[in-house]
């Protein structure tokens, strides 16, 4: 019992998984777009691009160290449309949609 007194402890940082967000920009895009994310551990990952018909258009491996990443993706080979960009990591999959304009 603290007799009504309150105490404050130091803040703690809670990390949920090793990757908790991914941004894709600019959206919509024309020539290229970027994927930005934070990896908190060293790991091997893959980035895939899937079209509106669920066809795999492109996929490439990425070796990550702990840190913030901004990876530029060329979009010149993509037709106009909506695509899913997915980052596959040891902690799971993180997806976002990108609109490609021509």
Protein backbone atom coordinates (compact mmCIF):
# COMPACT_ATOMS: atom_id res chain seq x y z
CA UNK A 1 0.00 0.00 0.00
CA UNK A 2 1.38 3.40 -1.03
CA UNK A 3 -1.12 5.39 1.06
CA UNK A 4 -2.54 6.98 -2.08
CA UNK A 5 0.86 7.97 -3.48
CA UNK A 6 1.67 7.28 -7.11
CA UNK A 7 5.01 6.37 -8.59
CA UNK A 8 6.24 6.54 -12.16
CA UNK A 9 8.66 4.06 -13.65
CA UNK A 10 10.91 4.61 -16.63
CA UNK A 11 9.24 4.05 -20.01
CA UNK A 12 9.87 0.73 -21.67
CA UNK A 13 9.93 -0.11 -25.36
CA UNK A 14 7.85 -3.05 -26.49
CA UNK A 15 8.63 -4.51 -29.90
CA UNK A 16 5.90 -6.57 -31.50
CA UNK A 17 7.67 -8.84 -33.96
CA UNK A 18 10.81 -7.90 -35.82
CA UNK A 19 8.99 -5.84 -38.42
CA UNK A 20 5.83 -3.92 -37.69
CA UNK A 21 5.20 -1.63 -40.63
CA UNK A 22 5.96 -1.09 -44.28
CA UNK A 23 5.31 1.98 -46.43
CA UNK A 24 5.07 2.08 -50.22
CA UNK A 25 5.35 5.50 -51.92
CA UNK A 26 4.62 7.48 -53.99
CA UNK A 27 1.22 5.99 -54.57
CA UNK A 28 0.15 6.18 -57.35
CA UNK A 29 3.50 5.79 -59.13
CA UNK A 30 4.72 5.88 -62.73
CA UNK A 31 8.41 5.10 -63.25
CA UNK A 32 9.45 3.83 -59.81
CA UNK A 33 8.33 3.53 -56.22
CA UNK A 34 9.99 2.93 -52.87
CA UNK A 35 9.42 0.47 -50.07
CA UNK A 36 10.39 1.65 -46.60
CA UNK A 37 10.52 -0.59 -43.55
CA UNK A 38 12.41 -1.31 -40.35
CA UNK A 39 14.12 -4.62 -39.69
CA UNK A 40 15.12 -5.16 -36.09
CA UNK A 41 17.18 -8.28 -36.73
CA UNK A 42 19.49 -9.70 -39.38
CA UNK A 43 17.47 -11.85 -41.78
CA UNK A 44 16.91 -12.90 -45.36
CA UNK A 45 13.70 -11.60 -46.90
CA UNK A 46 12.02 -11.42 -50.30
CA UNK A 47 9.98 -8.74 -52.03
CA UNK A 48 7.29 -9.82 -54.45
CA UNK A 49 5.02 -7.92 -56.81
CA UNK A 50 1.68 -9.54 -57.68
CA UNK A 51 -0.79 -8.21 -60.24
CA UNK A 52 -4.57 -7.94 -59.97
CA UNK A 53 -4.96 -11.47 -61.36
CA UNK A 54 -2.80 -12.92 -58.54
CA UNK A 55 0.10 -13.58 -60.93
CA UNK A 56 3.63 -13.22 -59.58
CA UNK A 57 5.22 -10.47 -61.71
CA UNK A 58 8.53 -10.04 -59.94
CA UNK A 59 10.32 -11.38 -56.88
CA UNK A 60 13.79 -10.78 -55.51
CA UNK A 61 15.70 -11.65 -52.34
CA UNK A 62 16.91 -9.05 -49.86
CA UNK A 63 19.54 -9.62 -47.18
CA UNK A 64 18.78 -7.41 -44.21
CA UNK A 65 20.76 -6.22 -41.24
CA UNK A 66 19.04 -4.45 -38.39
CA UNK A 67 18.02 -0.96 -39.52
CA UNK A 68 15.73 1.18 -41.63
CA UNK A 69 15.53 0.36 -45.33
CA UNK A 70 14.30 2.31 -48.32
CA UNK A 71 14.39 0.17 -51.45
CA UNK A 72 13.61 1.66 -54.85
CA UNK A 73 11.71 -0.53 -57.31
CA UNK A 74 11.59 0.20 -61.05
CA UNK A 75 8.02 0.17 -62.36
CA UNK A 76 8.70 0.73 -66.05
CA UNK A 77 7.97 -2.93 -66.86
CA UNK A 78 4.60 -2.85 -65.08
CA UNK A 79 1.37 -2.15 -66.96
CA UNK A 80 -1.12 0.33 -65.53
CA UNK A 81 -3.05 -1.26 -62.70
CA UNK A 82 -3.13 -2.19 -59.03
CA UNK A 83 -0.41 -4.43 -57.62
CA UNK A 84 0.28 -6.02 -54.25
CA UNK A 85 3.80 -5.44 -52.93
CA UNK A 86 4.69 -8.00 -50.28
CA UNK A 87 7.71 -8.23 -48.04
CA UNK A 88 8.24 -11.83 -46.89
CA UNK A 89 10.36 -12.08 -43.72
CA UNK A 90 11.09 -14.68 -41.06
CA UNK A 91 8.46 -12.88 -38.96
CA UNK A 92 5.67 -12.99 -41.54
CA UNK A 93 4.32 -11.18 -44.58
CA UNK A 94 3.69 -7.46 -44.86
CA UNK A 95 1.70 -6.21 -47.86
CA UNK A 96 0.61 -2.95 -49.38
CA UNK A 97 -1.05 -2.00 -52.64
CA UNK A 98 0.46 0.24 -55.27
CA UNK A 99 -1.30 1.86 -58.22
CA UNK A 100 0.79 2.15 -61.40
CA UNK A 101 -0.23 4.87 -63.86
CA UNK A 102 0.84 5.14 -67.50
